């Protein structure tokens, strides 16, 4: 099987690459700006003709799109999260229409939901900002395409290599710098989020690539349990052996503040992929601390 992975240098992409790369009888190709990529392209500005030519040359049986932007201005977010999936779908339809496309979406597409409830894939999508709106546009483009495609709607990934832009990555960096008995200042941590280990996300990617037959257009990939964000701080403090204080009076994320509760229904992923999360939040955080090395999200 010939697999093309886009966004292989990002948080999710790096873990997907590790697991896809050891599949029996699989050959993994990468695409992006890096000089060592098999398909050299600036994913934010690639055109259909350029991408079609690259896809015809590589002849992939499956394409995994882990590329995307989590921060930046509206234009940057739109280019990577909405425009690029449209270019990819059109190019793939022209060059390798039988290939399976596995595209990574985001829980940010859903927006807020009622405390105590779970979000199934059929739940209304009401993103509260530009990021969620652009990710939702990308999902709609992939889901409405004639391709053999599935969107894995990833909730809050955590684990080794968490990017500095994420709460866990940022807090790990602050704990590394902090005096053992000092204070680490963060924003409000009372919101509830559904966390999933990045390695479990990568395993869902692998299963989506190799699973025979048609898949549902959208599948939630999450832990299936809403936890207070404060548990992330406590878990990292425990892993670090930090004896100081966590001060929640600092500035927080406006995007996160608008959504006080998110919990996924992961029944569909269990049925379609035989996938369930395997690692606990405590394990994810301990491994993050042990191997912490902040990386930027892939583009």
Foldseek 3Di string as FASTA:
>chain_A
DEEEEEQCQFPLNVLLCVVQVPPPPYDYFYEDCDPPGQQHDHLLDDALVSVLVSCLVRVGQEYEYQAAADDDDLSRRLSTQAVSLLSVLNSCCVRPQNHEYEYEAEPLQAFADDPPDADEPPHDGDHDDSNNVSNVNSLVSQLPGPGLYAYAHEWAEFAAQAACVDPLLVLLVQLVPDDLAEEAEAADQFAWTFYAYSNLVSVLVVLSRPPDDGARRYAYDTQQDIDGSVVSVVLLCVLSVRNYYYHRHDDYDPSRVSYRYHGHDRVRSCVRRVGHGDDDSSNRNNRRNVRPDHDHRGD
